[in-house]
PDB file of N, CA and C in Angstrom:
ATOM      1  N   MET A   1     -44.124  21.917   0.807  1.00  0.00           N
ATOM      2  CA  MET A   1     -43.849  19.753   1.179  1.00  0.00           C
ATOM      3  C   MET A   1     -41.838  20.387   0.915  1.00  0.00           C
ATOM      4  N   PRO A   2     -42.010  19.769   2.234  1.00  0.00           N
ATOM      5  CA  PRO A   2     -40.116  19.545   2.276  1.00  0.00           C
ATOM      6  C   PRO A   2     -39.357  18.653   1.623  1.00  0.00           C
ATOM      7  N   LYS A   3     -38.728  19.023   1.166  1.00  0.00           N
ATOM      8  CA  LYS A   3     -37.904  18.600   0.227  1.00  0.00           C
ATOM      9  C   LYS A   3     -36.571  18.215   0.605  1.00  0.00           C
ATOM     10  N   ALA A   4     -35.825  16.864   1.714  1.00  0.00           N
ATOM     11  CA  ALA A   4     -34.431  16.595   1.835  1.00  0.00           C
ATOM     12  C   ALA A   4     -33.381  16.550   0.206  1.00  0.00           C
ATOM     13  N   LYS A   5     -32.785  17.059   0.630  1.00  0.00           N
ATOM     14  CA  LYS A   5     -31.523  16.356  -0.373  1.00  0.00           C
ATOM     15  C   LYS A   5     -30.918  15.483   0.830  1.00  0.00           C
ATOM     16  N   VAL A   6     -29.787  14.725   0.425  1.00  0.00           N
ATOM     17  CA  VAL A   6     -28.830  13.872   0.994  1.00  0.00           C
ATOM     18  C   VAL A   6     -28.417  13.509   0.177  1.00  0.00           C
ATOM     19  N   TYR A   7     -26.602  14.290   0.765  1.00  0.00           N
ATOM     20  CA  TYR A   7     -25.739  13.997   0.180  1.00  0.00           C
ATOM     21  C   TYR A   7     -24.200  12.586   0.896  1.00  0.00           C
ATOM     22  N   ILE A   8     -23.846  11.200   0.466  1.00  0.00           N
ATOM     23  CA  ILE A   8     -23.314  10.062   1.008  1.00  0.00           C
ATOM     24  C   ILE A   8     -22.390  10.033   0.296  1.00  0.00           C
ATOM     25  N   THR A   9     -21.345  10.561   0.792  1.00  0.00           N
ATOM     26  CA  THR A   9     -19.228   9.845   0.568  1.00  0.00           C
ATOM     27  C   THR A   9     -19.411   8.430   1.556  1.00  0.00           C
ATOM     28  N   LEU A  10     -17.647   7.868   1.253  1.00  0.00           N
ATOM     29  CA  LEU A  10     -17.491   7.050   1.958  1.00  0.00           C
ATOM     30  C   LEU A  10     -15.903   7.960   2.939  1.00  0.00           C
ATOM     31  N   LYS A  11     -16.039   7.800   3.714  1.00  0.00           N
ATOM     32  CA  LYS A  11     -15.163   8.063   5.407  1.00  0.00           C
ATOM     33  C   LYS A  11     -13.447   8.760   4.021  1.00  0.00           C
ATOM     34  N   PRO A  12     -13.358   9.909   4.882  1.00  0.00           N
ATOM     35  CA  PRO A  12     -11.849   9.906   3.998  1.00  0.00           C
ATOM     36  C   PRO A  12     -10.804   8.879   4.814  1.00  0.00           C
ATOM     37  N   GLY A  13     -10.266   8.692   3.581  1.00  0.00           N
ATOM     38  CA  GLY A  13      -8.982   7.760   3.774  1.00  0.00           C
ATOM     39  C   GLY A  13      -9.044   5.545   3.138  1.00  0.00           C
ATOM     40  N   LEU A  14     -10.345   6.082   3.383  1.00  0.00           N
ATOM     41  CA  LEU A  14     -11.546   5.137   2.635  1.00  0.00           C
ATOM     42  C   LEU A  14     -10.869   4.244   0.949  1.00  0.00           C
ATOM     43  N   LEU A  15     -10.632   3.007   0.892  1.00  0.00           N
ATOM     44  CA  LEU A  15     -10.109   3.252  -0.811  1.00  0.00           C
ATOM     45  C   LEU A  15     -12.317   2.939  -1.072  1.00  0.00           C
ATOM     46  N   ASP A  16     -11.921   3.888  -2.444  1.00  0.00           N
ATOM     47  CA  ASP A  16     -13.002   4.314  -3.036  1.00  0.00           C
ATOM     48  C   ASP A  16     -12.801   3.728  -4.282  1.00  0.00           C
ATOM     49  N   ALA A  17     -12.938   2.321  -4.404  1.00  0.00           N
ATOM     50  CA  ALA A  17     -13.113   1.777  -5.564  1.00  0.00           C
ATOM     51  C   ALA A  17     -13.407   2.096  -7.016  1.00  0.00           C
ATOM     52  N   GLN A  18     -14.185   2.435  -6.716  1.00  0.00           N
ATOM     53  CA  GLN A  18     -15.404   3.016  -7.595  1.00  0.00           C
ATOM     54  C   GLN A  18     -14.251   4.162  -8.706  1.00  0.00           C
ATOM     55  N   GLY A  19     -14.784   4.492  -7.566  1.00  0.00           N
ATOM     56  CA  GLY A  19     -13.642   6.268  -7.765  1.00  0.00           C
ATOM     57  C   GLY A  19     -12.398   5.837  -8.766  1.00  0.00           C
ATOM     58  N   ARG A  20     -11.904   5.060  -8.245  1.00  0.00           N
ATOM     59  CA  ARG A  20     -10.402   4.570  -8.939  1.00  0.00           C
ATOM     60  C   ARG A  20     -10.863   4.079  -9.883  1.00  0.00           C
ATOM     61  N   VAL A  21     -11.793   3.233 -10.082  1.00  0.00           N
ATOM     62  CA  VAL A  21     -11.812   2.726 -11.552  1.00  0.00           C
ATOM     63  C   VAL A  21     -11.821   4.413 -12.434  1.00  0.00           C
ATOM     64  N   LEU A  22     -13.160   5.173 -12.314  1.00  0.00           N
ATOM     65  CA  LEU A  22     -13.644   6.631 -12.600  1.00  0.00           C
ATOM     66  C   LEU A  22     -12.224   7.247 -13.316  1.00  0.00           C
ATOM     67  N   GLU A  23     -12.010   7.577 -12.548  1.00  0.00           N
ATOM     68  CA  GLU A  23     -10.184   7.900 -12.344  1.00  0.00           C
ATOM     69  C   GLU A  23      -9.667   7.741 -13.378  1.00  0.00           C
ATOM     70  N   ASP A  24      -9.779   6.757 -13.069  1.00  0.00           N
ATOM     71  CA  ASP A  24      -8.080   5.684 -14.390  1.00  0.00           C
ATOM     72  C   ASP A  24      -8.786   5.962 -15.620  1.00  0.00           C
ATOM     73  N   ALA A  25      -9.828   5.467 -15.589  1.00  0.00           N
ATOM     74  CA  ALA A  25     -10.851   5.810 -16.917  1.00  0.00           C
ATOM     75  C   ALA A  25     -11.077   7.213 -18.129  1.00  0.00           C
ATOM     76  N   LEU A  26     -11.245   7.914 -17.097  1.00  0.00           N
ATOM     77  CA  LEU A  26     -11.048   9.303 -17.394  1.00  0.00           C
ATOM     78  C   LEU A  26      -9.334   9.548 -17.592  1.00  0.00           C
ATOM     79  N   HIS A  27      -8.133   9.061 -17.388  1.00  0.00           N
ATOM     80  CA  HIS A  27      -7.110   9.665 -17.388  1.00  0.00           C
ATOM     81  C   HIS A  27      -6.798   8.575 -19.207  1.00  0.00           C
ATOM     82  N   GLN A  28      -7.310   7.498 -18.938  1.00  0.00           N
ATOM     83  CA  GLN A  28      -7.419   6.638 -20.834  1.00  0.00           C
ATOM     84  C   GLN A  28      -8.100   7.362 -22.063  1.00  0.00           C
ATOM     85  N   LEU A  29      -9.068   8.284 -21.315  1.00  0.00           N
ATOM     86  CA  LEU A  29      -9.902   8.862 -22.204  1.00  0.00           C
ATOM     87  C   LEU A  29      -9.173  10.319 -22.701  1.00  0.00           C
ATOM     88  N   GLY A  30      -8.324  10.797 -21.611  1.00  0.00           N
ATOM     89  CA  GLY A  30      -6.991  12.210 -22.152  1.00  0.00           C
ATOM     90  C   GLY A  30      -7.447  13.166 -21.487  1.00  0.00           C
ATOM     91  N   PHE A  31      -7.890  12.962 -19.871  1.00  0.00           N
ATOM     92  CA  PHE A  31      -8.446  13.900 -18.687  1.00  0.00           C
ATOM     93  C   PHE A  31      -7.347  13.325 -17.451  1.00  0.00           C
ATOM     94  N   GLU A  32      -6.293  13.850 -18.356  1.00  0.00           N
ATOM     95  CA  GLU A  32      -5.405  13.546 -17.108  1.00  0.00           C
ATOM     96  C   GLU A  32      -4.917  14.815 -16.344  1.00  0.00           C
ATOM     97  N   ARG A  33      -6.094  15.730 -16.500  1.00  0.00           N
ATOM     98  CA  ARG A  33      -6.141  16.664 -14.830  1.00  0.00           C
ATOM     99  C   ARG A  33      -6.796  16.436 -13.993  1.00  0.00           C
ATOM    100  N   VAL A  34      -7.547  15.574 -14.190  1.00  0.00           N
ATOM    101  CA  VAL A  34      -8.114  14.649 -13.024  1.00  0.00           C
ATOM    102  C   VAL A  34      -7.406  13.710 -11.714  1.00  0.00           C
ATOM    103  N   GLN A  35      -7.403  14.714 -10.460  1.00  0.00           N
ATOM    104  CA  GLN A  35      -6.790  14.196  -9.547  1.00  0.00           C
ATOM    105  C   GLN A  35      -7.058  13.025  -8.934  1.00  0.00           C
ATOM    106  N   GLN A  36      -8.745  12.576  -8.612  1.00  0.00           N
ATOM    107  CA  GLN A  36      -8.983  12.126  -8.063  1.00  0.00           C
ATOM    108  C   GLN A  36     -10.469  12.495  -7.674  1.00  0.00           C
ATOM    109  N   VAL A  37     -11.307  10.459  -8.292  1.00  0.00           N
ATOM    110  CA  VAL A  37     -13.061  10.704  -7.998  1.00  0.00           C
ATOM    111  C   VAL A  37     -13.111  10.119  -7.233  1.00  0.00           C
ATOM    112  N   ARG A  38     -14.444   9.975  -6.725  1.00  0.00           N
ATOM    113  CA  ARG A  38     -14.425  10.202  -5.539  1.00  0.00           C
ATOM    114  C   ARG A  38     -15.697   9.804  -5.878  1.00  0.00           C
ATOM    115  N   VAL A  39     -16.624   8.533  -5.631  1.00  0.00           N
ATOM    116  CA  VAL A  39     -18.259   8.663  -5.788  1.00  0.00           C
ATOM    117  C   VAL A  39     -18.850   8.215  -4.253  1.00  0.00           C
ATOM    118  N   GLY A  40     -20.202   8.728  -5.124  1.00  0.00           N
ATOM    119  CA  GLY A  40     -21.135   8.708  -3.235  1.00  0.00           C
ATOM    120  C   GLY A  40     -22.404   8.536  -3.990  1.00  0.00           C
ATOM    121  N   LYS A  41     -22.958   8.705  -3.103  1.00  0.00           N
ATOM    122  CA  LYS A  41     -24.520   8.512  -3.281  1.00  0.00           C
ATOM    123  C   LYS A  41     -25.352  10.193  -2.996  1.00  0.00           C
ATOM    124  N   TYR A  42     -26.682  10.735  -3.756  1.00  0.00           N
ATOM    125  CA  TYR A  42     -27.718  11.796  -3.517  1.00  0.00           C
ATOM    126  C   TYR A  42     -28.844  11.183  -3.881  1.00  0.00           C
ATOM    127  N   LEU A  43     -29.395  11.789  -3.085  1.00  0.00           N
ATOM    128  CA  LEU A  43     -31.563  11.539  -2.502  1.00  0.00           C
ATOM    129  C   LEU A  43     -31.379  12.655  -2.724  1.00  0.00           C
ATOM    130  N   GLU A  44     -33.190  12.811  -3.332  1.00  0.00           N
ATOM    131  CA  GLU A  44     -33.857  14.205  -2.750  1.00  0.00           C
ATOM    132  C   GLU A  44     -35.282  12.896  -2.656  1.00  0.00           C
ATOM    133  N   ILE A  45     -35.740  13.491  -0.886  1.00  0.00           N
ATOM    134  CA  ILE A  45     -36.511  12.944  -0.474  1.00  0.00           C
ATOM    135  C   ILE A  45     -37.694  13.811  -0.030  1.00  0.00           C
ATOM    136  N   ASP A  46     -38.894  13.534  -0.661  1.00  0.00           N
ATOM    137  CA  ASP A  46     -40.538  14.772  -0.145  1.00  0.00           C
ATOM    138  C   ASP A  46     -40.986  14.387   0.548  1.00  0.00           C
ATOM    139  N   LEU A  47     -41.286  15.059   2.051  1.00  0.00           N
ATOM    140  CA  LEU A  47     -41.435  15.165   2.759  1.00  0.00           C
ATOM    141  C   LEU A  47     -42.910  15.385   3.266  1.00  0.00           C
ATOM    142  N   ALA A  48     -43.865  14.411   3.755  1.00  0.00           N
ATOM    143  CA  ALA A  48     -44.915  15.572   4.521  1.00  0.00           C
ATOM    144  C   ALA A  48     -44.548  16.476   5.250  1.00  0.00           C
ATOM    145  N   PRO A  49     -45.111  17.612   5.387  1.00  0.00           N
ATOM    146  CA  PRO A  49     -45.302  18.534   6.191  1.00  0.00           C
ATOM    147  C   PRO A  49     -45.247  18.594   7.687  1.00  0.00           C
ATOM    148  N   ASN A  50     -45.398  17.446   7.857  1.00  0.00           N
ATOM    149  CA  ASN A  50     -46.079  17.666   9.602  1.00  0.00           C
ATOM    150  C   ASN A  50     -44.361  17.092   9.663  1.00  0.00           C
ATOM    151  N   GLY A  51     -44.534  17.072  11.716  1.00  0.00           N
ATOM    152  CA  GLY A  51     -43.312  16.988  11.923  1.00  0.00           C
ATOM    153  C   GLY A  51     -41.803  17.546  11.957  1.00  0.00           C
ATOM    154  N   ASP A  52     -40.182  17.478  12.483  1.00  0.00           N
ATOM    155  CA  ASP A  52     -39.244  18.750  12.294  1.00  0.00           C
ATOM    156  C   ASP A  52     -38.795  17.534  10.852  1.00  0.00           C
ATOM    157  N   PRO A  53     -38.818  17.801   9.593  1.00  0.00           N
ATOM    158  CA  PRO A  53     -38.182  17.704   8.309  1.00  0.00           C
ATOM    159  C   PRO A  53     -36.532  16.933   9.015  1.00  0.00           C
ATOM    160  N   ARG A  54     -35.683  17.509  10.108  1.00  0.00           N
ATOM    161  CA  ARG A  54     -34.910  17.613   9.621  1.00  0.00           C
ATOM    162  C   ARG A  54     -34.395  16.263  10.941  1.00  0.00           C
ATOM    163  N   GLU A  55     -35.298  16.743  11.260  1.00  0.00           N
ATOM    164  CA  GLU A  55     -35.666  15.772  12.601  1.00  0.00           C
ATOM    165  C   GLU A  55     -35.492  14.275  11.761  1.00  0.00           C
ATOM    166  N   GLN A  56     -36.828  13.967  11.078  1.00  0.00           N
ATOM    167  CA  GLN A  56     -36.550  12.309  10.359  1.00  0.00           C
ATOM    168  C   GLN A  56     -35.660  11.880   9.552  1.00  0.00           C
ATOM    169  N   VAL A  57     -34.667  13.680   8.973  1.00  0.00           N
ATOM    170  CA  VAL A  57     -33.870  12.974   7.785  1.00  0.00           C
ATOM    171  C   VAL A  57     -33.229  12.348   8.685  1.00  0.00           C
ATOM    172  N   GLU A  58     -32.671  13.050   9.950  1.00  0.00           N
ATOM    173  CA  GLU A  58     -30.979  12.054  10.364  1.00  0.00           C
ATOM    174  C   GLU A  58     -31.601  10.950  10.763  1.00  0.00           C
ATOM    175  N   ALA A  59     -32.919  10.856  11.254  1.00  0.00           N
ATOM    176  CA  ALA A  59     -33.446   9.199  11.659  1.00  0.00           C
ATOM    177  C   ALA A  59     -33.082   8.302  10.349  1.00  0.00           C
ATOM    178  N   MET A  60     -33.307   8.930   9.939  1.00  0.00           N
ATOM    179  CA  MET A  60     -33.870   7.905   8.314  1.00  0.00           C
ATOM    180  C   MET A  60     -31.965   7.875   7.564  1.00  0.00           C
ATOM    181  N   CYS A  61     -30.930   8.490   7.975  1.00  0.00           N
ATOM    182  CA  CYS A  61     -29.772   9.034   7.346  1.00  0.00           C
ATOM    183  C   CYS A  61     -29.384   7.358   8.954  1.00  0.00           C
ATOM    184  N   GLN A  62     -29.200   7.547  10.072  1.00  0.00           N
ATOM    185  CA  GLN A  62     -28.383   6.907  10.620  1.00  0.00           C
ATOM    186  C   GLN A  62     -28.962   5.631  10.820  1.00  0.00           C
ATOM    187  N   LYS A  63     -30.136   5.040  10.349  1.00  0.00           N
ATOM    188  CA  LYS A  63     -31.018   3.855  10.670  1.00  0.00           C
ATOM    189  C   LYS A  63     -30.980   2.678   9.462  1.00  0.00           C
ATOM    190  N   LEU A  64     -31.156   3.617   8.298  1.00  0.00           N
ATOM    191  CA  LEU A  64     -31.126   2.997   7.305  1.00  0.00           C
ATOM    192  C   LEU A  64     -30.050   3.573   5.944  1.00  0.00           C
ATOM    193  N   LEU A  65     -30.204   4.792   5.532  1.00  0.00           N
ATOM    194  CA  LEU A  65     -28.951   5.878   4.939  1.00  0.00           C
ATOM    195  C   LEU A  65     -28.217   5.200   4.185  1.00  0.00           C
ATOM    196  N   ALA A  66     -27.222   5.754   5.290  1.00  0.00           N
ATOM    197  CA  ALA A  66     -26.055   5.705   5.367  1.00  0.00           C
ATOM    198  C   ALA A  66     -24.874   4.624   6.467  1.00  0.00           C
ATOM    199  N   ASN A  67     -24.848   4.369   6.499  1.00  0.00           N
ATOM    200  CA  ASN A  67     -23.497   3.526   6.965  1.00  0.00           C
ATOM    201  C   ASN A  67     -22.519   3.838   8.053  1.00  0.00           C
ATOM    202  N   PRO A  68     -22.495   4.372   8.908  1.00  0.00           N
ATOM    203  CA  PRO A  68     -21.911   5.436   9.424  1.00  0.00           C
ATOM    204  C   PRO A  68     -20.172   4.701   9.954  1.00  0.00           C
ATOM    205  N   VAL A  69     -20.350   3.117   9.625  1.00  0.00           N
ATOM    206  CA  VAL A  69     -18.997   2.745  10.042  1.00  0.00           C
ATOM    207  C   VAL A  69     -17.979   3.613   8.901  1.00  0.00           C
ATOM    208  N   ILE A  70     -18.197   3.599   7.688  1.00  0.00           N
ATOM    209  CA  ILE A  70     -17.621   3.556   6.184  1.00  0.00           C
ATOM    210  C   ILE A  70     -17.595   5.108   5.815  1.00  0.00           C
ATOM    211  N   GLU A  71     -19.387   5.114   6.086  1.00  0.00           N
ATOM    212  CA  GLU A  71     -19.869   6.997   5.319  1.00  0.00           C
ATOM    213  C   GLU A  71     -19.989   7.583   6.320  1.00  0.00           C
ATOM    214  N   GLN A  72     -19.783   8.311   5.484  1.00  0.00           N
ATOM    215  CA  GLN A  72     -20.926  10.598   5.834  1.00  0.00           C
ATOM    216  C   GLN A  72     -21.447  10.618   5.169  1.00  0.00           C
ATOM    217  N   TYR A  73     -22.628  11.357   6.316  1.00  0.00           N
ATOM    218  CA  TYR A  73     -23.243  12.224   5.337  1.00  0.00           C
ATOM    219  C   TYR A  73     -23.392  14.120   5.301  1.00  0.00           C
ATOM    220  N   ARG A  74     -23.945  13.972   4.590  1.00  0.00           N
ATOM    221  CA  ARG A  74     -24.958  15.231   4.955  1.00  0.00           C
ATOM    222  C   ARG A  74     -26.360  15.482   4.111  1.00  0.00           C
ATOM    223  N   TYR A  75     -26.774  16.724   4.594  1.00  0.00           N
ATOM    224  CA  TYR A  75     -28.343  16.991   3.854  1.00  0.00           C
ATOM    225  C   TYR A  75     -28.342  18.453   3.948  1.00  0.00           C
ATOM    226  N   GLU A  76     -29.684  18.924   3.190  1.00  0.00           N
ATOM    227  CA  GLU A  76     -30.152  20.399   2.844  1.00  0.00           C
ATOM    228  C   GLU A  76     -31.652  19.568   3.169  1.00  0.00           C
ATOM    229  N   VAL A  77     -32.696  20.477   4.067  1.00  0.00           N
ATOM    230  CA  VAL A  77     -34.091  20.689   3.509  1.00  0.00           C
ATOM    231  C   VAL A  77     -34.827  21.594   3.524  1.00  0.00           C
ATOM    232  N   GLU A  78     -35.206  22.344   2.591  1.00  0.00           N
ATOM    233  CA  GLU A  78     -35.827  23.034   1.819  1.00  0.00           C
ATOM    234  C   GLU A  78     -37.105  22.826   2.141  1.00  0.00           C
ATOM    235  N   GLU A  79     -38.417  24.242   2.750  1.00  0.00           N
ATOM    236  CA  GLU A  79     -38.978  24.017   3.422  1.00  0.00           C
ATOM    237  C   GLU A  79     -40.178  24.325   2.443  1.00  0.00           C
TER     238      GLU A  79
END
């Protein structure tokens, strides 16, 4: 059964408010070497073995999983 691993992050240059809050909290906890934190989404999707899994995952990302205006994505498919 194919499994897709999808990684979704904000596009470079966009303010990552969640990442900034985590970065500040890490600094307050003494982790001064942290320079930047970016927050994203990670999804694992099990697919039925019929059809082209890469084509299916690409369509899912374009239609629902990622907002192409502010997010970028990449994925891996394990057969």
